[in-house]
C-alpha atoms as a PDB file:
ATOM      1  CA  MET A   1       0.042   0.045   0.058  1.00  0.00           C
ATOM      2  CA  LEU A   2       1.261   3.325  -0.804  1.00  0.00           C
ATOM      3  CA  ARG A   3       2.084   5.596   2.051  1.00  0.00           C
ATOM      4  CA  ALA A   4       1.199   9.308   2.005  1.00  0.00           C
ATOM      5  CA  GLN A   5       4.900  10.440   2.303  1.00  0.00           C
ATOM      6  CA  ASP A   6       6.038   7.935  -0.717  1.00  0.00           C
ATOM      7  CA  LEU A   7       3.107   9.784  -2.665  1.00  0.00           C
ATOM      8  CA  LEU A   8       4.738  12.984  -1.741  1.00  0.00           C
ATOM      9  CA  ALA A   9       8.042  12.160  -2.930  1.00  0.00           C
ATOM     10  CA  THR A  10       6.717  10.895  -6.310  1.00  0.00           C
ATOM     11  CA  LEU A  11       4.494  13.822  -7.147  1.00  0.00           C
ATOM     12  CA  ARG A  12       5.490  17.115  -6.018  1.00  0.00           C
ATOM     13  CA  VAL A  13       3.206  20.216  -6.756  1.00  0.00           C
ATOM     14  CA  SER A  14       3.700  23.761  -6.460  1.00  0.00           C
ATOM     15  CA  VAL A  15       0.365  25.879  -6.871  1.00  0.00           C
ATOM     16  CA  PHE A  16      -0.523  29.272  -7.448  1.00  0.00           C
ATOM     17  CA  THR A  17      -3.963  30.616  -7.113  1.00  0.00           C
ATOM     18  CA  PRO A  18      -5.586  34.016  -6.815  1.00  0.00           C
ATOM     19  CA  ASP A  19      -6.533  32.863  -2.924  1.00  0.00           C
ATOM     20  CA  ASP A  20      -3.156  32.894  -2.138  1.00  0.00           C
ATOM     21  CA  LEU A  21      -3.686  36.584  -0.944  1.00  0.00           C
ATOM     22  CA  ALA A  22      -4.812  35.323   2.307  1.00  0.00           C
ATOM     23  CA  LEU A  23      -1.098  34.066   3.216  1.00  0.00           C
ATOM     24  CA  VAL A  24      -0.687  37.652   3.988  1.00  0.00           C
ATOM     25  CA  LYS A  25      -4.116  38.950   4.710  1.00  0.00           C
ATOM     26  CA  GLY A  26      -5.182  36.262   6.508  1.00  0.00           C
ATOM     27  CA  GLY A  27      -4.535  35.069  10.173  1.00  0.00           C
ATOM     28  CA  PRO A  28      -1.710  32.819  11.306  1.00  0.00           C
ATOM     29  CA  GLN A  29      -3.053  29.506  10.460  1.00  0.00           C
ATOM     30  CA  GLY A  30      -2.609  29.981   6.756  1.00  0.00           C
ATOM     31  CA  ARG A  31       0.669  30.886   7.131  1.00  0.00           C
ATOM     32  CA  ARG A  32       1.541  27.971   9.640  1.00  0.00           C
ATOM     33  CA  GLU A  33       0.152  25.558   7.004  1.00  0.00           C
ATOM     34  CA  PHE A  34       1.647  27.333   4.214  1.00  0.00           C
ATOM     35  CA  LEU A  35       4.891  26.738   5.825  1.00  0.00           C
ATOM     36  CA  ASP A  36       4.394  23.029   7.033  1.00  0.00           C
ATOM     37  CA  ASP A  37       3.061  21.943   3.445  1.00  0.00           C
ATOM     38  CA  ALA A  38       6.412  23.284   1.877  1.00  0.00           C
ATOM     39  CA  LEU A  39       8.234  21.501   4.702  1.00  0.00           C
ATOM     40  CA  VAL A  40       6.805  18.514   4.212  1.00  0.00           C
ATOM     41  CA  SER A  41       6.990  18.361   0.187  1.00  0.00           C
ATOM     42  CA  ALA A  42      10.913  19.146   0.618  1.00  0.00           C
ATOM     43  CA  HIS A  43      11.143  16.326   3.463  1.00  0.00           C
ATOM     44  CA  PRO A  44       8.298  13.877   3.214  1.00  0.00           C
ATOM     45  CA  ASN A  45       9.721  11.837   6.288  1.00  0.00           C
ATOM     46  CA  LEU A  46       8.459  14.994   8.107  1.00  0.00           C
ATOM     47  CA  LEU A  47       4.915  14.175   7.833  1.00  0.00           C
ATOM     48  CA  VAL A  48       4.713  11.529  10.484  1.00  0.00           C
ATOM     49  CA  LEU A  49       6.009  14.004  12.819  1.00  0.00           C
ATOM     50  CA  CYS A  50       3.264  16.645  11.861  1.00  0.00           C
ATOM     51  CA  GLN A  51       0.645  13.801  12.007  1.00  0.00           C
ATOM     52  CA  THR A  52       1.872  13.334  15.478  1.00  0.00           C
ATOM     53  CA  VAL A  53       1.650  16.797  16.844  1.00  0.00           C
ATOM     54  CA  GLU A  54      -1.859  17.173  15.222  1.00  0.00           C
ATOM     55  CA  ARG A  55      -2.831  13.790  17.081  1.00  0.00           C
ATOM     56  CA  VAL A  56      -1.368  14.953  20.523  1.00  0.00           C
ATOM     57  CA  LEU A  57      -2.762  18.372  20.441  1.00  0.00           C
ATOM     58  CA  ARG A  58      -6.132  16.762  19.764  1.00  0.00           C
ATOM     59  CA  GLN A  59      -5.900  14.356  22.523  1.00  0.00           C
ATOM     60  CA  ARG A  60      -4.665  16.858  25.089  1.00  0.00           C
ATOM     61  CA  SER A  61      -7.170  19.778  24.188  1.00  0.00           C
ATOM     62  CA  ALA A  62     -10.022  17.135  24.440  1.00  0.00           C
ATOM     63  CA  LEU A  63      -8.661  16.026  28.038  1.00  0.00           C
ATOM     64  CA  LEU A  64      -8.523  19.797  29.070  1.00  0.00           C
ATOM     65  CA  ARG A  65     -12.426  19.883  28.010  1.00  0.00           C
ATOM     66  CA  GLN A  66     -13.192  16.889  29.683  1.00  0.00           C
ATOM     67  CA  SER A  67     -11.743  17.908  32.961  1.00  0.00           C
ATOM     68  CA  GLY A  68     -14.308  20.922  33.375  1.00  0.00           C
ATOM     69  CA  GLY A  69     -11.327  22.860  34.816  1.00  0.00           C
ATOM     70  CA  VAL A  70     -10.862  20.500  37.487  1.00  0.00           C
ATOM     71  CA  PRO A  71      -7.168  19.437  38.070  1.00  0.00           C
ATOM     72  CA  SER A  72      -8.179  15.944  39.473  1.00  0.00           C
ATOM     73  CA  PRO A  73      -5.219  13.442  40.061  1.00  0.00           C
ATOM     74  CA  GLU A  74      -6.237  11.495  36.967  1.00  0.00           C
ATOM     75  CA  VAL A  75      -6.301  14.560  34.805  1.00  0.00           C
ATOM     76  CA  LEU A  76      -2.724  15.733  36.032  1.00  0.00           C
ATOM     77  CA  ALA A  77      -1.404  12.170  35.619  1.00  0.00           C
ATOM     78  CA  THR A  78      -2.658  12.140  31.787  1.00  0.00           C
ATOM     79  CA  LEU A  79      -1.825  15.514  31.237  1.00  0.00           C
ATOM     80  CA  ASP A  80       1.675  14.825  32.194  1.00  0.00           C
ATOM     81  CA  VAL A  81       1.876  11.759  29.426  1.00  0.00           C
ATOM     82  CA  TRP A  82       0.520  14.794  26.734  1.00  0.00           C
ATOM     83  CA  ASP A  83       2.854  17.362  27.978  1.00  0.00           C
ATOM     84  CA  TYR A  84       5.939  14.929  27.452  1.00  0.00           C
ATOM     85  CA  LYS A  85       4.718  13.735  23.823  1.00  0.00           C
ATOM     86  CA  LEU A  86       4.006  17.698  22.880  1.00  0.00           C
ATOM     87  CA  ALA A  87       7.295  18.636  24.179  1.00  0.00           C
ATOM     88  CA  GLU A  88       9.132  16.155  22.282  1.00  0.00           C
ATOM     89  CA  ALA A  89       7.198  16.070  19.055  1.00  0.00           C
ATOM     90  CA  GLY A  90       6.087  19.846  19.118  1.00  0.00           C
ATOM     91  CA  GLY A  91       9.544  21.143  20.171  1.00  0.00           C
ATOM     92  CA  THR A  92      10.748  19.124  17.063  1.00  0.00           C
ATOM     93  CA  LEU A  93       8.325  20.736  14.409  1.00  0.00           C
ATOM     94  CA  VAL A  94       9.042  24.121  15.698  1.00  0.00           C
ATOM     95  CA  ALA A  95      12.886  23.694  15.364  1.00  0.00           C
ATOM     96  CA  ALA A  96      12.397  22.183  11.660  1.00  0.00           C
ATOM     97  CA  ARG A  97      10.061  24.941  10.984  1.00  0.00           C
ATOM     98  CA  GLU A  98      12.293  27.305  11.973  1.00  0.00           C
ATOM     99  CA  LYS A  99      15.172  26.153   9.969  1.00  0.00           C
ATOM    100  CA  PHE A 100      13.345  25.803   6.688  1.00  0.00           C
ATOM    101  CA  LEU A 101      12.002  29.249   7.038  1.00  0.00           C
ATOM    102  CA  ALA A 102      15.503  30.391   7.295  1.00  0.00           C
ATOM    103  CA  GLU A 103      16.026  28.467   4.213  1.00  0.00           C
ATOM    104  CA  LEU A 104      13.341  30.252   2.546  1.00  0.00           C
ATOM    105  CA  GLU A 105      13.822  33.862   3.560  1.00  0.00           C
ATOM    106  CA  PRO A 106      16.685  34.908   0.928  1.00  0.00           C
ATOM    107  CA  LEU A 107      14.722  33.179  -1.498  1.00  0.00           C
ATOM    108  CA  ALA A 108      11.461  35.008  -0.938  1.00  0.00           C
ATOM    109  CA  ALA A 109      13.438  38.101  -0.788  1.00  0.00           C
ATOM    110  CA  ALA A 110      15.351  37.861  -4.024  1.00  0.00           C
ATOM    111  CA  ALA A 111      11.731  36.933  -5.578  1.00  0.00           C
ATOM    112  CA  PHE A 112      10.215  39.752  -4.105  1.00  0.00           C
ATOM    113  CA  CYS A 113      12.528  42.016  -5.562  1.00  0.00           C
ATOM    114  CA  ASN A 114      12.410  40.976  -8.726  1.00  0.00           C
ATOM    115  CA  LEU A 115       8.548  41.015  -8.695  1.00  0.00           C
ATOM    116  CA  THR A 116       8.304  44.571  -7.543  1.00  0.00           C
ATOM    117  CA  ARG A 117      11.350  45.888  -9.363  1.00  0.00           C
ATOM    118  CA  ARG A 118      12.483  47.844  -6.129  1.00  0.00           C
ATOM    119  CA  ASP A 119      14.716  47.336  -3.214  1.00  0.00           C
ATOM    120  CA  ASP A 120      12.546  46.905  -0.107  1.00  0.00           C
ATOM    121  CA  GLU A 121      13.810  44.091   1.892  1.00  0.00           C
ATOM    122  CA  LEU A 122      11.350  40.972   2.682  1.00  0.00           C
ATOM    123  CA  GLN A 123      11.965  39.564   6.180  1.00  0.00           C
ATOM    124  CA  LEU A 124      10.291  36.108   7.499  1.00  0.00           C
ATOM    125  CA  VAL A 125      10.381  35.877  11.425  1.00  0.00           C
ATOM    126  CA  TYR A 126       9.085  32.590  13.126  1.00  0.00           C
ATOM    127  CA  GLU A 127       7.554  33.873  16.656  1.00  0.00           C
ATOM    128  CA  ARG A 128       6.866  31.374  19.114  1.00  0.00           C
ATOM    129  CA  SER A 129       3.841  31.407  21.149  1.00  0.00           C
ATOM    130  CA  PHE A 130       6.104  30.151  23.958  1.00  0.00           C
ATOM    131  CA  SER A 131       9.428  31.179  25.833  1.00  0.00           C
ATOM    132  CA  GLY A 132      12.193  28.704  26.716  1.00  0.00           C
ATOM    133  CA  GLY A 133      11.478  24.717  26.331  1.00  0.00           C
ATOM    134  CA  LEU A 134       8.126  23.679  25.053  1.00  0.00           C
ATOM    135  CA  GLY A 135       7.851  21.196  27.899  1.00  0.00           C
ATOM    136  CA  GLU A 136       8.585  23.837  30.722  1.00  0.00           C
ATOM    137  CA  ALA A 137       6.353  26.515  28.761  1.00  0.00           C
ATOM    138  CA  LEU A 138       3.397  23.582  29.004  1.00  0.00           C
ATOM    139  CA  SER A 139       3.603  23.428  32.440  1.00  0.00           C
ATOM    140  CA  LEU A 140       3.713  27.113  33.006  1.00  0.00           C
ATOM    141  CA  ALA A 141       0.640  27.130  31.075  1.00  0.00           C
ATOM    142  CA  ARG A 142      -1.148  24.293  32.588  1.00  0.00           C
ATOM    143  CA  ARG A 143      -3.535  26.542  34.982  1.00  0.00           C
ATOM    144  CA  GLU A 144      -4.521  28.594  32.104  1.00  0.00           C
ATOM    145  CA  ASP A 145      -4.973  25.429  29.866  1.00  0.00           C
ATOM    146  CA  LEU A 146      -7.409  23.798  32.114  1.00  0.00           C
ATOM    147  CA  ARG A 147      -9.199  27.339  33.055  1.00  0.00           C
ATOM    148  CA  ARG A 148      -9.718  27.787  29.164  1.00  0.00           C
ATOM    149  CA  GLY A 149      -9.924  24.116  28.528  1.00  0.00           C
ATOM    150  CA  THR A 150      -7.681  24.213  25.395  1.00  0.00           C
ATOM    151  CA  THR A 151      -4.029  24.172  24.744  1.00  0.00           C
ATOM    152  CA  THR A 152      -2.701  27.815  24.637  1.00  0.00           C
ATOM    153  CA  ILE A 153       0.563  27.496  23.626  1.00  0.00           C
ATOM    154  CA  GLY A 154       2.826  25.423  21.342  1.00  0.00           C
ATOM    155  CA  PRO A 155       3.163  24.918  17.413  1.00  0.00           C
ATOM    156  CA  GLN A 156      -0.489  25.345  16.592  1.00  0.00           C
ATOM    157  CA  ARG A 157      -0.151  28.912  18.218  1.00  0.00           C
ATOM    158  CA  ASP A 158       3.019  30.091  16.337  1.00  0.00           C
ATOM    159  CA  GLU A 159       3.192  32.835  13.910  1.00  0.00           C
ATOM    160  CA  ILE A 160       5.244  33.804  10.853  1.00  0.00           C
ATOM    161  CA  ALA A 161       5.787  37.340  10.650  1.00  0.00           C
ATOM    162  CA  ILE A 162       6.174  38.898   7.308  1.00  0.00           C
ATOM    163  CA  THR A 163       7.308  42.842   6.787  1.00  0.00           C
ATOM    164  CA  ALA A 164       8.532  44.288   3.298  1.00  0.00           C
ATOM    165  CA  GLY A 165      10.841  47.563   4.064  1.00  0.00           C
ATOM    166  CA  GLY A 166      10.199  47.411   7.552  1.00  0.00           C
ATOM    167  CA  LEU A 167       6.334  47.486   6.890  1.00  0.00           C
ATOM    168  CA  ASP A 168       3.970  44.889   8.543  1.00  0.00           C
ATOM    169  CA  ALA A 169       2.966  42.846   5.378  1.00  0.00           C
ATOM    170  CA  ARG A 170      -0.623  42.122   6.581  1.00  0.00           C
ATOM    171  CA  THR A 171      -1.682  45.692   7.536  1.00  0.00           C
ATOM    172  CA  ARG A 172       0.615  48.107   5.565  1.00  0.00           C
ATOM    173  CA  LEU A 173       1.062  47.185   2.310  1.00  0.00           C
ATOM    174  CA  SER A 174      -1.266  47.492  -0.566  1.00  0.00           C
ATOM    175  CA  GLN A 175      -2.915  44.996  -2.080  1.00  0.00           C
ATOM    176  CA  GLY A 176      -0.578  44.677  -5.368  1.00  0.00           C
ATOM    177  CA  ARG A 177       2.495  44.528  -3.081  1.00  0.00           C
ATOM    178  CA  GLN A 178       0.850  41.892  -0.847  1.00  0.00           C
ATOM    179  CA  ARG A 179       0.082  39.931  -3.962  1.00  0.00           C
ATOM    180  CA  CYS A 180       3.760  40.113  -4.799  1.00  0.00           C
ATOM    181  CA  VAL A 181       4.531  38.936  -1.451  1.00  0.00           C
ATOM    182  CA  THR A 182       2.568  35.754  -1.740  1.00  0.00           C
ATOM    183  CA  LEU A 183       4.080  34.954  -5.105  1.00  0.00           C
ATOM    184  CA  ALA A 184       7.149  35.477  -3.605  1.00  0.00           C
ATOM    185  CA  LEU A 185       6.435  32.740  -0.877  1.00  0.00           C
ATOM    186  CA  ARG A 186       5.299  30.273  -3.434  1.00  0.00           C
ATOM    187  CA  LEU A 187       8.361  30.875  -5.769  1.00  0.00           C
ATOM    188  CA  ALA A 188      10.757  30.551  -2.780  1.00  0.00           C
ATOM    189  CA  ALA A 189       8.982  27.343  -1.325  1.00  0.00           C
ATOM    190  CA  HIS A 190       9.246  26.119  -5.105  1.00  0.00           C
ATOM    191  CA  ALA A 191      13.085  26.465  -5.067  1.00  0.00           C
ATOM    192  CA  ALA A 192      13.485  25.392  -1.709  1.00  0.00           C
ATOM    193  CA  VAL A 193      11.650  21.851  -2.594  1.00  0.00           C
ATOM    194  CA  THR A 194      13.793  21.569  -5.568  1.00  0.00           C
ATOM    195  CA  ALA A 195      16.775  22.053  -3.777  1.00  0.00           C
ATOM    196  CA  ALA A 196      16.016  19.343  -1.178  1.00  0.00           C
ATOM    197  CA  ALA A 197      14.330  17.037  -3.432  1.00  0.00           C
ATOM    198  CA  GLY A 198      16.703  17.369  -6.338  1.00  0.00           C
ATOM    199  CA  SER A 199      13.791  17.316  -9.005  1.00  0.00           C
ATOM    200  CA  ARG A 200      11.638  20.396  -9.659  1.00  0.00           C
ATOM    201  CA  PRO A 201       7.609  19.738  -8.525  1.00  0.00           C
ATOM    202  CA  VAL A 202       4.984  20.576 -11.334  1.00  0.00           C
ATOM    203  CA  LEU A 203       3.896  24.040 -11.221  1.00  0.00           C
ATOM    204  CA  LEU A 204       0.207  24.502 -11.295  1.00  0.00           C
ATOM    205  CA  LEU A 205      -0.654  28.315 -11.866  1.00  0.00           C
ATOM    206  CA  ASP A 206      -4.696  28.547 -11.362  1.00  0.00           C
ATOM    207  CA  ASP A 207      -5.535  31.827 -12.914  1.00  0.00           C
ATOM    208  CA  ALA A 208      -2.630  33.232 -10.866  1.00  0.00           C
ATOM    209  CA  PHE A 209      -2.668  36.169 -13.211  1.00  0.00           C
ATOM    210  CA  SER A 210      -6.209  37.475 -13.285  1.00  0.00           C
ATOM    211  CA  GLU A 211      -5.237  40.355 -10.696  1.00  0.00           C
ATOM    212  CA  LEU A 212      -1.838  41.074 -11.559  1.00  0.00           C
ATOM    213  CA  ASP A 213      -1.080  44.103 -13.729  1.00  0.00           C
ATOM    214  CA  GLU A 214       1.051  43.560 -16.966  1.00  0.00           C
ATOM    215  CA  ALA A 215       4.243  44.610 -15.409  1.00  0.00           C
ATOM    216  CA  THR A 216       4.243  42.153 -12.406  1.00  0.00           C
ATOM    217  CA  THR A 217       2.551  39.485 -15.135  1.00  0.00           C
ATOM    218  CA  ARG A 218       5.996  39.659 -17.174  1.00  0.00           C
ATOM    219  CA  SER A 219       7.932  39.446 -14.101  1.00  0.00           C
ATOM    220  CA  LEU A 220       6.518  36.468 -12.684  1.00  0.00           C
ATOM    221  CA  LEU A 221       6.789  34.896 -15.717  1.00  0.00           C
ATOM    222  CA  SER A 222      10.363  35.757 -16.272  1.00  0.00           C
ATOM    223  CA  GLU A 223      10.833  34.316 -12.541  1.00  0.00           C
ATOM    224  CA  LEU A 224       9.038  31.053 -13.219  1.00  0.00           C
ATOM    225  CA  PRO A 225      11.638  28.452 -12.871  1.00  0.00           C
ATOM    226  CA  ALA A 226      12.190  25.782 -15.600  1.00  0.00           C
ATOM    227  CA  GLY A 227      10.243  22.748 -15.469  1.00  0.00           C
ATOM    228  CA  GLN A 228       6.737  21.443 -16.086  1.00  0.00           C
ATOM    229  CA  ALA A 229       4.059  23.858 -15.746  1.00  0.00           C
ATOM    230  CA  VAL A 230       0.249  23.870 -16.143  1.00  0.00           C
ATOM    231  CA  LEU A 231      -1.228  27.503 -16.559  1.00  0.00           C
ATOM    232  CA  THR A 232      -4.905  27.825 -16.300  1.00  0.00           C
ATOM    233  CA  THR A 233      -6.687  31.139 -17.300  1.00  0.00           C
ATOM    234  CA  ALA A 234     -10.818  32.175 -17.498  1.00  0.00           C
ATOM    235  CA  GLY A 235      -9.367  34.976 -20.032  1.00  0.00           C
ATOM    236  CA  GLU A 236      -6.730  35.686 -22.438  1.00  0.00           C
ATOM    237  CA  ILE A 237      -3.306  33.862 -22.365  1.00  0.00           C
ATOM    238  CA  PRO A 238      -0.915  36.394 -20.501  1.00  0.00           C
ATOM    239  CA  PRO A 239       1.342  38.325 -22.227  1.00  0.00           C
ATOM    240  CA  GLY A 240       4.668  36.981 -22.518  1.00  0.00           C
ATOM    241  CA  ALA A 241       3.544  33.394 -21.904  1.00  0.00           C
ATOM    242  CA  ARG A 242       4.775  31.119 -24.525  1.00  0.00           C
ATOM    243  CA  PRO A 243       2.887  27.806 -23.892  1.00  0.00           C
ATOM    244  CA  ALA A 244       3.970  24.777 -25.633  1.00  0.00           C
ATOM    245  CA  ALA A 245       0.111  23.468 -25.930  1.00  0.00           C
ATOM    246  CA  VAL A 246      -2.734  25.121 -25.329  1.00  0.00           C
ATOM    247  CA  VAL A 247      -6.154  23.570 -24.366  1.00  0.00           C
ATOM    248  CA  ARG A 248      -9.501  25.144 -24.337  1.00  0.00           C
ATOM    249  CA  LEU A 249     -12.545  24.287 -22.429  1.00  0.00           C
ATOM    250  CA  GLU A 250     -15.777  25.283 -23.686  1.00  0.00           C
ATOM    251  CA  ALA A 251     -19.376  24.139 -22.711  1.00  0.00           C
ATOM    252  CA  GLY A 252     -17.704  21.070 -20.592  1.00  0.00           C
ATOM    253  CA  GLY A 253     -15.719  19.931 -23.499  1.00  0.00           C
ATOM    254  CA  ILE A 254     -12.064  19.963 -24.659  1.00  0.00           C
ATOM    255  CA  VAL A 255     -11.440  22.560 -27.898  1.00  0.00           C
ATOM    256  CA  GLY A 256      -8.427  22.028 -29.815  1.00  0.00           C
END
């Protein structure tokens, strides 16, 4: 039976969509998911680690809810078990995220400069939701976790802060520059996965040019790495694109 990590190692795909703007404008969960997806695509063996962290978090949070805020001996003993597992797996995941983000940052910064044709520096900073070791932090947060019935710190609460030219990308950039940030992030992830895997993922550009001006469209096309790419659009083929083949869909059928 083919395992998920085997499939990831067999077929990697980098996807650009108009919805990618949420990577910048949306909440931290989307940025964490982007980072984890790229991390696992580059290193499929880490899929099990991510799944372990998710499972432990579900079990720990379920226990906290069921406790009703009452720290009975049974609850505390079971919390000790889940805290140990979360500290071990979660701490490893956070370290892997931080290392991978450090690899992404210069790649994203270079792509951003090329897309915007400006020298504004793009910075990516991993912000932990805790200080010190995760095990100690979980112990200190236990009373609050019991009161709230949820796990308040850990990899599921961390943030990836993005700034461009010293400005918060989420709140201080124009939508056009925010879109360039998201494109730079996708290009950086594609390059990092290519370097780690030794082969280029398939590029899928799903109507990614629909909201770009012509200058940014041409910059993006010039930035696209070599390799197999599939471009979909509901309008005209973007200026500067030189597709090897064009397939048109009309009335639910393929034309040409």
